[in-house]
Amino acid sequence: MKPLTRRKSAAMNRLRLLVITDVHYRPGGPQSAGPRRGELGLELLARAIEDATRRGGFDCLALLGDLLDDGRRQGAEEAAIELLATVESAGVPAIVLPGNHDYDGQHLPAGLPGRSRVLEIAGYRLVAFVDAWRDRDYGTRRHEDLQLLRDLADQPGGPIIALQHSPVHPPIDSEYPYMLTNRPEVMHQYTQAGVLLSISGHYHAGQPLNSTDGVLYLTVPAICEPPFRYALVSLHGREVDVEVRQLSADQPGLFDCHAHTEFAYCGEGISAEAAIQRSGAFGLAGVCLVEHAPQLYCTAEEFWAAMHIREPACWRKGQNSRMAEFRRAMEPHRPAGARVGLEVELDREGKLTLLDEDRQWIDLIVGALHWLPEDASSLTDAELARAFMRANEFMLAAGVDVLAHPWRFFRWSQRDVPTELYRPLAELLRATDTAAEINFHSNTPDPAFFAACIERGVKIALGTDAHRPHEAGALSAHLALLRHIAATEDLAELLMPYPTRKPPADAVEIAGSD
């Protein structure tokens, strides 16, 4: 849908407003029989914030009501506090409004505003209306709030943006009674006050940007229902652009090549089951359950001390190995379509941290450089770049299917990325038939590198590198970046194919390795 744009003046005010509405959070609840996924509400909010952050960021966040599925339930205040903490984590000014599901006229979850107010942000005057609700469904704009708008219009200042939960315009249909009961009066006041833009939620399908009597109206779709949408509203003076984005995959056949499991020392609540469930919920065709091989061969203390790099015997001796346990736990997921892989590194002897017997049964090998055999802190930038390329040469020659987060090593080392090596590494990937992974986990992929890969026919893998449940299956930013680079909507020819499943593991062998 092409956004409607309105140009009125050359004012230089700029604002990128992230708008999320109708979370309908239902903590601990079962999955709804309908499309609403309230049990994922907190995750959906976090996913939208992270997706918007990765795709250019935003200056202000507006959460327009129905935060909770039922604000009268036991634990509602605690649930609201969880949501508000997630909003606060975005690190920008925020506007949070209650909706009809958030309270029943008597009870208001902690932290939600109880009255309308005006906020000035980036030269814009945002009016956040808290309307009165009757029978929990019918909203009415209070007379004092209409006066608030009139008073604001009489004062000098920037463009006015009206925010509310209930839709204002256009009428939805005769069977939908949940627009503001005094909608005509509200619309008249918006025109009289010179309101630039009115933004609402509540109507889960949403309505595109439209204009009536000099006012722009937008109804943002609900984030709680597939395809889990939010809006990014960009303002420049009196110019308004709206992009409605979805968190679900919008192309068939996509898969996440890199999701961690409950075996990760660095995991935060992630599990194979969660990765599979989230990937399905967000429209992916599959997921690769990939665990750090050194974390399975070594203790946590050994791994974080990089002993698997410095002292190869550490991971080869097998005294603390959890590999057999991991194999047993992952095997039941493979018949249902999941793939199982290992994320390997390069030790100081130039060998992959992967035993030959484990190479035989996994579906995917993901190569990654978290440490170099050399002490990076003792190297100059030029020496570090050469060591990095040398390690990649050894790793790719040893045979991996995907190169994970190709340049993140430099960010973690607090060094500048040697962009002059983009083409040489892309050539190495092409020569070894290795896919390059787009990965946003603690990482900012550079379009220039992936453009070099695409030019050389290198396949692209999309990996969330999920360490938390809300990260699994989150590929919207990956797709947006790749489409920007390739200037095409259909990415099928550019993407790495889903790995072929290896033959089932030998049950006797697994039992015997315990």
Protein backbone atom coordinates (compact mmCIF):
# COMPACT_ATOMS: atom_id res chain seq x y z
CA MET A 1 0.00 0.00 0.00
CA LYS A 2 1.54 3.30 -1.05
CA PRO A 3 1.44 5.81 1.82
CA LEU A 4 -0.64 8.94 1.42
CA THR A 5 1.49 12.07 1.72
CA ARG A 6 0.36 15.58 2.56
CA ARG A 7 2.59 18.62 1.99
CA LYS A 8 1.60 21.96 3.44
CA SER A 9 4.75 23.91 4.34
CA ALA A 10 8.51 23.85 4.38
CA ALA A 11 8.80 23.71 8.18
CA MET A 12 11.80 21.72 9.34
CA ASN A 13 10.18 19.87 12.26
CA ARG A 14 10.96 16.16 12.02
CA LEU A 15 9.55 13.25 14.00
CA ARG A 16 9.57 9.48 13.57
CA LEU A 17 6.70 8.10 15.65
CA LEU A 18 6.39 4.38 16.38
CA VAL A 19 2.71 3.51 16.92
CA ILE A 20 1.64 0.21 18.46
CA THR A 21 -1.90 -0.59 19.50
CA ASP A 22 -4.08 -3.38 20.87
CA VAL A 23 -1.50 -5.63 22.50
CA HIS A 24 -4.23 -7.44 24.49
CA TYR A 25 -1.60 -8.96 26.75
CA ARG A 26 -2.86 -12.02 28.63
CA PRO A 27 0.10 -13.29 30.68
CA GLY A 28 0.10 -17.01 31.30
CA GLY A 29 -3.04 -17.50 29.27
CA PRO A 30 -3.50 -20.28 26.71
CA GLN A 31 -3.47 -19.51 23.01
CA SER A 32 -6.80 -18.03 21.98
CA ALA A 33 -9.11 -20.06 19.76
CA GLY A 34 -9.32 -16.98 17.51
CA PRO A 35 -6.61 -14.94 15.83
CA ARG A 36 -5.76 -12.87 18.91
CA ARG A 37 -2.43 -13.92 20.47
CA GLY A 38 -2.65 -12.20 23.82
CA GLU A 39 -0.35 -14.72 25.46
CA LEU A 40 2.44 -13.32 23.24
CA GLY A 41 1.57 -9.70 24.01
CA LEU A 42 4.75 -8.79 25.88
CA GLU A 43 6.87 -10.47 23.18
CA LEU A 44 4.98 -8.72 20.40
CA LEU A 45 5.64 -5.34 21.97
CA ALA A 46 9.35 -6.15 22.32
CA ARG A 47 9.53 -7.47 18.75
CA ALA A 48 7.96 -4.31 17.32
CA ILE A 49 10.35 -2.08 19.25
CA GLU A 50 13.39 -4.10 18.15
CA ASP A 51 12.21 -4.28 14.54
CA ALA A 52 11.62 -0.53 14.36
CA THR A 53 14.98 0.12 16.01
CA ARG A 54 16.78 -2.02 13.46
CA ARG A 55 14.97 -0.36 10.56
CA GLY A 56 16.02 3.23 11.12
CA GLY A 57 14.87 3.89 14.68
CA PHE A 58 12.25 6.31 16.01
CA ASP A 59 12.02 9.41 18.20
CA CYS A 60 8.86 8.65 20.15
CA LEU A 61 6.68 5.65 20.92
CA ALA A 62 2.88 5.73 21.19
CA LEU A 63 1.01 2.77 22.66
CA LEU A 64 -2.66 3.41 21.95
CA GLY A 65 -4.68 1.31 24.31
CA ASP A 66 -5.93 -2.20 25.01
CA LEU A 67 -2.60 -3.03 26.50
CA LEU A 68 -4.32 -5.83 28.42
CA ASP A 69 -6.95 -8.27 27.29
CA ASP A 70 -8.85 -7.69 30.52
CA GLY A 71 -7.72 -5.02 32.98
CA ARG A 72 -10.02 -6.43 35.65
CA ARG A 73 -8.30 -9.81 35.90
CA GLN A 74 -6.08 -10.69 38.84
CA GLY A 75 -2.53 -9.66 38.04
CA ALA A 76 -3.56 -6.87 35.67
CA GLU A 77 -1.45 -4.24 37.39
CA GLU A 78 1.63 -6.44 37.30
CA ALA A 79 1.06 -7.17 33.62
CA ALA A 80 0.70 -3.44 32.87
CA ILE A 81 3.96 -2.77 34.68
CA GLU A 82 5.70 -5.39 32.51
CA LEU A 83 4.46 -3.66 29.38
CA LEU A 84 5.43 -0.22 30.64
CA ALA A 85 8.93 -1.48 31.46
CA THR A 86 9.28 -2.76 27.90
CA VAL A 87 8.16 0.63 26.57
CA GLU A 88 10.67 2.36 28.82
CA SER A 89 13.45 0.11 27.51
CA ALA A 90 13.07 1.76 24.10
CA GLY A 91 14.84 4.80 25.56
CA VAL A 92 12.64 7.44 23.87
CA PRO A 93 9.72 9.63 25.01
CA ALA A 94 6.59 7.52 25.22
CA ILE A 95 2.84 8.04 25.21
CA VAL A 96 0.76 5.23 26.70
CA LEU A 97 -3.03 5.37 26.61
CA PRO A 98 -5.58 3.02 28.21
CA GLY A 99 -8.21 1.40 26.05
CA ASN A 100 -11.59 -0.08 26.80
CA HIS A 101 -10.09 -3.46 27.76
CA ASP A 102 -7.68 -1.89 30.23
CA TYR A 103 -10.22 -0.80 32.85
CA ASP A 104 -13.91 -0.93 33.66
CA GLY A 105 -14.38 2.63 34.88
CA GLN A 106 -13.33 1.83 38.44
CA HIS A 107 -10.04 0.04 38.11
CA LEU A 108 -7.02 1.49 36.32
CA PRO A 109 -3.87 -0.63 36.06
CA ALA A 110 -0.85 0.96 37.70
CA GLY A 111 1.19 3.26 35.51
CA LEU A 112 -1.51 4.10 32.97
CA PRO A 113 -2.60 7.74 32.64
CA GLY A 114 -5.99 8.73 33.97
CA ARG A 115 -6.39 12.02 32.10
CA SER A 116 -5.63 13.63 28.75
CA ARG A 117 -2.48 15.66 28.33
CA VAL A 118 -0.29 17.51 25.85
CA LEU A 119 3.32 16.63 25.08
CA GLU A 120 5.66 18.71 22.93
CA ILE A 121 8.15 16.58 21.03
CA ALA A 122 10.44 17.68 18.18
CA GLY A 123 8.34 20.75 17.46
CA TYR A 124 5.02 18.87 17.40
CA ARG A 125 2.23 19.09 19.94
CA LEU A 126 0.89 15.62 20.67
CA VAL A 127 -2.46 15.49 22.45
CA ALA A 128 -3.04 12.14 24.16
CA PHE A 129 -6.77 11.76 24.80
CA VAL A 130 -8.03 9.47 27.58
CA ASP A 131 -11.69 9.08 26.68
CA ALA A 132 -14.58 8.04 28.92
CA TRP A 133 -15.91 4.51 28.42
CA ARG A 134 -19.45 3.24 28.89
CA ASP A 135 -20.13 -0.49 29.20
CA ARG A 136 -16.41 -0.94 28.50
CA ASP A 137 -16.99 -0.57 24.74
CA TYR A 138 -18.39 2.87 23.95
CA GLY A 139 -15.98 5.78 24.12
CA THR A 140 -16.92 9.45 24.47
CA ARG A 141 -14.64 12.50 24.30
CA ARG A 142 -15.06 14.50 27.47
CA HIS A 143 -16.12 18.18 27.23
CA GLU A 144 -13.06 19.30 29.17
CA ASP A 145 -10.84 17.55 26.61
CA LEU A 146 -12.57 19.29 23.74
CA GLN A 147 -11.81 22.53 25.57
CA LEU A 148 -8.22 21.39 26.04
CA LEU A 149 -7.90 21.15 22.26
CA ARG A 150 -9.53 24.56 21.71
CA ASP A 151 -7.15 26.17 24.17
CA LEU A 152 -4.18 24.51 22.52
CA ALA A 153 -5.25 25.74 19.10
CA ASP A 154 -5.34 29.31 20.42
CA GLN A 155 -1.71 29.09 21.50
CA PRO A 156 1.29 29.43 19.18
CA GLY A 157 3.15 26.22 18.48
CA GLY A 158 3.89 23.44 16.08
CA PRO A 159 1.47 21.08 14.28
CA ILE A 160 -1.06 19.24 16.44
CA ILE A 161 -1.23 15.42 16.46
CA ALA A 162 -4.27 13.84 18.16
CA LEU A 163 -3.85 10.37 19.68
CA GLN A 164 -6.66 8.21 21.04
CA HIS A 165 -7.72 4.59 21.32
CA SER A 166 -11.11 4.64 19.60
CA PRO A 167 -11.25 5.23 15.83
CA VAL A 168 -12.56 8.60 14.68
CA HIS A 169 -12.78 8.45 10.90
CA PRO A 170 -13.88 7.12 8.46
CA PRO A 171 -16.97 5.22 9.61
CA ILE A 172 -16.24 1.49 9.49
CA ASP A 173 -19.69 0.04 8.83
CA SER A 174 -23.15 0.11 10.30
CA GLU A 175 -22.41 -3.06 12.30
CA TYR A 176 -19.43 -1.50 14.11
CA PRO A 177 -20.70 0.69 16.97
CA TYR A 178 -17.38 1.27 18.72
CA MET A 179 -16.29 4.58 17.26
CA LEU A 180 -16.49 7.65 19.51
CA THR A 181 -20.10 8.34 20.37
CA ASN A 182 -19.61 12.07 19.72
CA ARG A 183 -17.47 11.51 16.64
CA PRO A 184 -19.02 14.34 14.52
CA GLU A 185 -18.32 16.88 17.26
CA VAL A 186 -14.75 15.60 17.68
CA MET A 187 -14.10 15.79 13.94
CA HIS A 188 -15.47 19.32 13.80
CA GLN A 189 -13.16 20.33 16.65
CA TYR A 190 -10.19 18.75 14.85
CA THR A 191 -10.91 20.80 11.75
CA GLN A 192 -11.43 23.99 13.74
CA ALA A 193 -8.20 23.44 15.70
CA GLY A 194 -6.18 22.74 12.57
CA VAL A 195 -5.18 19.25 13.70
CA LEU A 196 -2.68 17.83 11.25
CA LEU A 197 -3.12 14.13 12.04
CA SER A 198 -5.37 11.93 14.14
CA ILE A 199 -4.11 8.45 15.06
CA SER A 200 -6.29 5.72 16.58
CA GLY A 201 -6.34 1.99 17.31
CA HIS A 202 -9.12 -0.31 18.53
CA TYR A 203 -10.32 -1.46 15.08
CA HIS A 204 -8.03 -4.43 14.61
CA ALA A 205 -8.06 -4.42 10.82
CA GLY A 206 -6.85 -0.82 10.73
CA GLN A 207 -7.61 1.85 8.15
CA PRO A 208 -5.13 3.56 5.81
CA LEU A 209 -4.30 7.23 5.97
CA ASN A 210 -7.12 9.37 4.61
CA SER A 211 -8.04 13.06 4.60
CA THR A 212 -11.30 14.83 5.47
CA ASP A 213 -11.91 18.55 5.97
CA GLY A 214 -8.22 19.31 6.18
CA VAL A 215 -7.39 16.61 8.76
CA LEU A 216 -5.51 13.36 8.17
CA TYR A 217 -6.87 10.24 9.90
CA LEU A 218 -5.11 6.93 10.52
CA THR A 219 -6.27 3.77 12.31
CA VAL A 220 -3.31 1.51 13.11
CA PRO A 221 -3.90 -2.27 12.90
CA ALA A 222 -3.73 -4.38 16.05
CA ILE A 223 -0.40 -5.95 16.84
CA CYS A 224 -2.05 -8.90 18.63
CA GLU A 225 -3.33 -10.59 15.46
CA PRO A 226 -1.41 -12.01 12.49
CA PRO A 227 0.39 -10.65 10.60
CA PHE A 228 1.21 -8.63 13.77
CA ARG A 229 1.39 -5.09 12.42
CA TYR A 230 2.55 -1.72 13.73
CA ALA A 231 3.01 1.69 12.10
CA LEU A 232 5.96 4.01 11.64
CA VAL A 233 4.70 7.57 11.09
CA SER A 234 7.30 9.96 9.68
CA LEU A 235 6.60 13.68 9.90
CA HIS A 236 8.54 16.50 8.29
CA GLY A 237 6.87 19.83 8.81
CA ARG A 238 3.32 19.12 7.71
CA GLU A 239 4.34 16.23 5.49
CA VAL A 240 3.09 12.87 6.77
CA ASP A 241 4.21 9.43 5.58
CA VAL A 242 2.89 6.21 7.05
CA GLU A 243 4.47 2.79 6.73
CA VAL A 244 2.52 -0.14 8.16
CA ARG A 245 4.92 -2.98 8.86
CA GLN A 246 4.27 -6.59 9.78
CA LEU A 247 6.28 -8.88 12.01
CA SER A 248 5.19 -12.06 10.22
CA ALA A 249 7.12 -13.27 7.20
CA ASP A 250 5.59 -11.92 4.00
CA GLN A 251 7.24 -14.41 1.64
CA PRO A 252 6.66 -18.18 1.61
CA GLY A 253 9.41 -20.68 2.23
CA LEU A 254 11.54 -18.59 4.60
CA PHE A 255 13.46 -20.17 7.43
CA ASP A 256 15.62 -19.07 10.33
CA CYS A 257 19.07 -20.60 9.87
CA HIS A 258 20.34 -19.81 13.38
CA ALA A 259 18.22 -20.15 16.53
CA HIS A 260 19.70 -21.27 19.83
CA THR A 261 18.31 -23.72 22.36
CA GLU A 262 18.09 -24.41 26.06
CA PHE A 263 21.66 -25.76 25.86
CA ALA A 264 23.19 -22.32 25.25
CA TYR A 265 25.22 -20.89 28.12
CA CYS A 266 24.33 -17.47 26.69
CA GLY A 267 20.60 -18.19 26.31
CA GLU A 268 17.94 -16.16 28.10
CA GLY A 269 14.86 -18.35 28.27
CA ILE A 270 15.25 -19.68 24.74
CA SER A 271 14.50 -23.35 24.02
CA ALA A 272 14.16 -25.52 20.96
CA GLU A 273 10.42 -25.73 21.58
CA ALA A 274 10.10 -21.94 21.83
CA ALA A 275 12.13 -21.40 18.66
CA ILE A 276 9.96 -23.84 16.74
CA GLN A 277 6.69 -22.41 18.05
CA ARG A 278 7.65 -18.79 17.40
CA SER A 279 8.98 -19.53 13.93
CA GLY A 280 5.66 -21.14 13.02
CA ALA A 281 3.63 -18.35 14.61
CA PHE A 282 5.50 -15.72 12.58
CA GLY A 283 5.03 -17.44 9.24
CA LEU A 284 8.34 -19.24 8.71
CA ALA A 285 8.53 -22.56 6.91
CA GLY A 286 11.28 -23.88 9.16
CA VAL A 287 14.00 -23.26 11.71
CA CYS A 288 17.51 -24.55 12.27
CA LEU A 289 18.23 -25.33 15.93
CA VAL A 290 21.87 -24.34 16.11
CA GLU A 291 23.95 -24.63 19.25
CA HIS A 292 27.51 -23.53 20.02
CA ALA A 293 29.60 -26.68 19.62
CA PRO A 294 32.27 -25.45 22.08
CA GLN A 295 29.56 -24.83 24.67
CA LEU A 296 28.51 -28.46 24.30
CA TYR A 297 32.07 -29.77 24.50
CA CYS A 298 33.25 -27.51 27.36
CA THR A 299 32.13 -26.15 30.68
CA ALA A 300 30.84 -22.59 30.83
CA GLU A 301 34.01 -21.47 32.60
CA GLU A 302 36.18 -23.02 29.91
CA PHE A 303 34.13 -21.52 27.10
CA TRP A 304 34.06 -17.95 28.41
CA ALA A 305 37.81 -18.13 28.99
CA ALA A 306 38.14 -19.11 25.29
CA MET A 307 40.04 -22.25 26.31
CA HIS A 308 38.52 -24.09 23.34
CA ILE A 309 40.49 -21.64 21.17
CA ARG A 310 43.73 -21.41 23.14
CA GLU A 311 43.91 -25.03 24.37
CA PRO A 312 42.30 -27.34 21.77
CA ALA A 313 42.55 -30.37 24.05
CA CYS A 314 39.87 -28.68 26.18
CA TRP A 315 37.11 -29.37 23.69
CA ARG A 316 38.52 -32.57 22.22
CA LYS A 317 38.92 -34.53 25.46
CA GLY A 318 35.15 -34.85 25.97
CA GLN A 319 35.24 -35.07 29.77
CA ASN A 320 32.52 -32.43 30.17
CA SER A 321 30.74 -32.96 26.87
CA ARG A 322 26.97 -32.48 26.65
CA MET A 323 26.85 -33.34 22.95
CA ALA A 324 25.06 -36.67 23.39
CA GLU A 325 22.46 -35.00 25.58
CA PHE A 326 21.95 -32.26 23.01
CA ARG A 327 21.63 -34.83 20.23
CA ARG A 328 18.99 -36.79 22.13
CA ALA A 329 17.02 -33.63 22.92
CA MET A 330 17.05 -32.30 19.34
CA GLU A 331 16.36 -35.54 17.47
CA PRO A 332 12.57 -35.58 18.15
CA HIS A 333 12.23 -32.18 16.47
CA ARG A 334 13.70 -33.29 13.15
CA PRO A 335 10.82 -35.47 11.88
CA ALA A 336 8.50 -32.47 12.32
CA GLY A 337 10.66 -30.38 9.97
CA ALA A 338 13.22 -28.64 12.16
CA ARG A 339 16.88 -28.90 11.27
CA VAL A 340 19.72 -29.32 13.76
CA GLY A 341 23.07 -27.62 13.45
CA LEU A 342 26.20 -26.62 15.31
CA GLU A 343 27.94 -23.24 15.49
CA VAL A 344 31.66 -23.94 15.27
CA GLU A 345 34.79 -21.85 15.72
CA LEU A 346 38.45 -22.13 14.79
CA ASP A 347 41.02 -23.19 17.39
CA ARG A 348 44.67 -22.14 17.46
CA GLU A 349 45.66 -25.23 15.45
CA GLY A 350 43.45 -24.10 12.60
CA LYS A 351 40.82 -26.81 13.19
CA LEU A 352 37.07 -26.44 13.47
CA THR A 353 35.76 -27.08 16.96
CA LEU A 354 33.80 -30.06 15.69
CA LEU A 355 34.46 -33.77 16.13
CA ASP A 356 34.22 -35.89 12.99
CA GLU A 357 31.46 -38.07 14.45
CA ASP A 358 29.32 -35.01 15.11
CA ARG A 359 29.80 -33.65 11.62
CA GLN A 360 28.09 -36.78 10.30
CA TRP A 361 24.67 -36.34 11.89
CA ILE A 362 24.00 -32.58 11.94
CA ASP A 363 22.12 -30.86 9.12
CA LEU A 364 23.97 -27.54 9.16
CA ILE A 365 27.40 -26.20 10.14
CA VAL A 366 27.51 -22.51 11.02
CA GLY A 367 30.98 -20.99 11.22
CA ALA A 368 31.65 -18.05 13.52
CA LEU A 369 34.60 -16.05 14.77
CA HIS A 370 34.11 -14.96 18.37
CA TRP A 371 37.82 -15.09 19.20
CA LEU A 372 40.98 -15.34 17.14
CA PRO A 373 43.85 -17.71 17.96
CA GLU A 374 45.95 -14.56 18.37
CA ASP A 375 45.52 -12.03 21.17
CA ALA A 376 43.55 -9.37 19.30
CA SER A 377 44.41 -6.66 21.82
CA SER A 378 48.10 -6.94 20.94
CA LEU A 379 47.57 -6.50 17.19
CA THR A 380 47.48 -3.33 15.13
CA ASP A 381 44.43 -2.74 12.97
CA ALA A 382 46.28 -4.00 9.91
CA GLU A 383 47.54 -7.09 11.74
CA LEU A 384 44.06 -7.81 13.10
CA ALA A 385 42.55 -7.56 9.61
CA ARG A 386 45.12 -10.05 8.25
CA ALA A 387 44.54 -12.44 11.16
CA PHE A 388 40.79 -12.20 10.63
CA MET A 389 41.05 -13.04 6.94
CA ARG A 390 43.48 -15.89 7.65
CA ALA A 391 41.02 -17.38 10.16
CA ASN A 392 38.18 -17.10 7.66
CA GLU A 393 40.28 -18.81 5.00
CA PHE A 394 40.95 -21.76 7.31
CA MET A 395 37.33 -21.94 8.47
CA LEU A 396 35.81 -21.83 4.99
CA ALA A 397 38.33 -24.32 3.64
CA ALA A 398 37.42 -26.72 6.47
CA GLY A 399 33.81 -26.70 5.28
CA VAL A 400 30.95 -24.72 6.83
CA ASP A 401 27.55 -24.05 5.31
CA VAL A 402 27.00 -20.53 6.67
CA LEU A 403 29.34 -17.79 7.87
CA ALA A 404 27.59 -16.21 10.84
CA HIS A 405 27.60 -12.46 11.53
CA PRO A 406 30.64 -12.02 9.24
CA TRP A 407 32.02 -8.72 10.62
CA ARG A 408 30.66 -8.61 14.15
CA PHE A 409 34.09 -9.56 15.51
CA PHE A 410 35.37 -6.04 14.85
CA ARG A 411 32.46 -4.38 16.62
CA TRP A 412 33.00 -6.60 19.66
CA SER A 413 36.71 -5.78 19.51
CA GLN A 414 35.87 -2.06 19.33
CA ARG A 415 37.80 -1.75 16.07
CA ASP A 416 36.81 -0.25 12.74
CA VAL A 417 35.62 -2.78 10.19
CA PRO A 418 38.18 -3.12 7.34
CA THR A 419 35.68 -2.50 4.54
CA GLU A 420 38.44 -3.01 1.94
CA LEU A 421 38.14 -6.73 2.76
CA TYR A 422 34.46 -6.98 1.81
CA ARG A 423 35.19 -8.11 -1.72
CA PRO A 424 37.97 -10.59 -0.80
CA LEU A 425 35.73 -12.26 1.80
CA ALA A 426 32.82 -12.36 -0.66
CA GLU A 427 35.16 -14.05 -3.15
CA LEU A 428 36.10 -16.63 -0.50
CA LEU A 429 32.44 -17.34 0.20
CA ARG A 430 31.76 -17.81 -3.50
CA ALA A 431 34.76 -20.11 -3.97
CA THR A 432 33.74 -22.33 -1.05
CA ASP A 433 29.98 -22.23 -1.74
CA THR A 434 29.30 -20.78 1.72
CA ALA A 435 26.28 -18.62 2.51
CA ALA A 436 26.65 -15.21 4.18
CA GLU A 437 24.37 -14.68 7.15
CA ILE A 438 22.40 -11.48 7.73
CA ASN A 439 22.33 -11.32 11.52
CA PHE A 440 21.15 -8.43 13.73
CA HIS A 441 22.01 -10.01 17.10
CA SER A 442 24.26 -7.44 18.78
CA ASN A 443 25.21 -6.58 15.24
CA THR A 444 24.55 -4.08 12.46
CA PRO A 445 24.91 -5.69 9.03
CA ASP A 446 26.54 -3.48 6.40
CA PRO A 447 24.57 -3.43 3.12
CA ALA A 448 27.80 -2.89 1.17
CA PHE A 449 29.17 -6.29 2.16
CA PHE A 450 26.00 -8.15 1.23
CA ALA A 451 25.81 -6.25 -2.05
CA ALA A 452 29.31 -7.58 -2.79
CA CYS A 453 28.09 -11.09 -1.96
CA ILE A 454 25.03 -10.84 -4.18
CA GLU A 455 27.12 -9.52 -7.07
CA ARG A 456 29.22 -12.71 -6.85
CA GLY A 457 26.32 -15.10 -6.54
CA VAL A 458 26.87 -15.86 -2.85
CA LYS A 459 23.69 -17.16 -1.24
CA ILE A 460 22.27 -15.22 1.70
CA ALA A 461 21.13 -16.90 4.92
CA LEU A 462 18.72 -15.20 7.33
CA GLY A 463 19.57 -15.88 10.96
CA THR A 464 18.02 -14.42 14.09
CA ASP A 465 20.75 -15.87 16.33
CA ALA A 466 17.89 -16.03 18.83
CA HIS A 467 18.95 -16.17 22.47
CA ARG A 468 15.52 -15.14 23.80
CA PRO A 469 12.05 -16.39 22.78
CA HIS A 470 10.93 -13.04 21.36
CA GLU A 471 13.89 -13.05 18.95
CA ALA A 472 13.03 -16.39 17.31
CA GLY A 473 11.48 -16.04 13.86
CA ALA A 474 11.99 -12.25 13.81
CA LEU A 475 13.16 -11.75 10.21
CA SER A 476 11.35 -8.55 9.19
CA ALA A 477 14.46 -6.37 9.44
CA HIS A 478 16.49 -8.98 7.55
CA LEU A 479 13.99 -8.97 4.70
CA ALA A 480 13.80 -5.17 4.57
CA LEU A 481 17.59 -4.90 4.39
CA LEU A 482 17.94 -7.55 1.70
CA ARG A 483 15.17 -6.02 -0.42
CA HIS A 484 16.84 -2.64 -0.14
CA ILE A 485 20.17 -4.10 -1.29
CA ALA A 486 18.77 -6.24 -4.09
CA ALA A 487 16.03 -3.79 -5.19
CA THR A 488 13.54 -6.66 -5.51
CA GLU A 489 10.59 -7.95 -3.50
CA ASP A 490 11.03 -11.62 -4.41
CA LEU A 491 14.14 -12.88 -2.68
CA ALA A 492 13.81 -16.59 -3.45
CA GLU A 493 16.72 -16.73 -5.89
CA LEU A 494 19.06 -14.96 -3.47
CA LEU A 495 18.45 -17.09 -0.41
CA MET A 496 20.17 -20.20 0.77
CA PRO A 497 17.86 -23.24 0.43
CA TYR A 498 16.59 -25.04 3.49
CA PRO A 499 19.18 -27.67 4.51
CA THR A 500 18.47 -31.26 3.61
CA ARG A 501 17.76 -33.39 6.63
CA LYS A 502 20.45 -35.93 7.44
CA PRO A 503 19.41 -39.56 8.06
CA PRO A 504 17.99 -40.17 11.55
CA ALA A 505 20.57 -40.64 14.27
CA ASP A 506 21.34 -44.17 15.45
CA ALA A 507 19.34 -44.60 18.65
CA VAL A 508 21.70 -47.27 19.96
CA GLU A 509 24.72 -45.06 19.35
CA ILE A 510 23.11 -42.14 21.18
CA ALA A 511 22.22 -44.29 24.17
CA GLY A 512 25.71 -45.75 24.27
CA SER A 513 27.32 -42.30 24.34
CA ASP A 514 25.61 -41.29 27.55
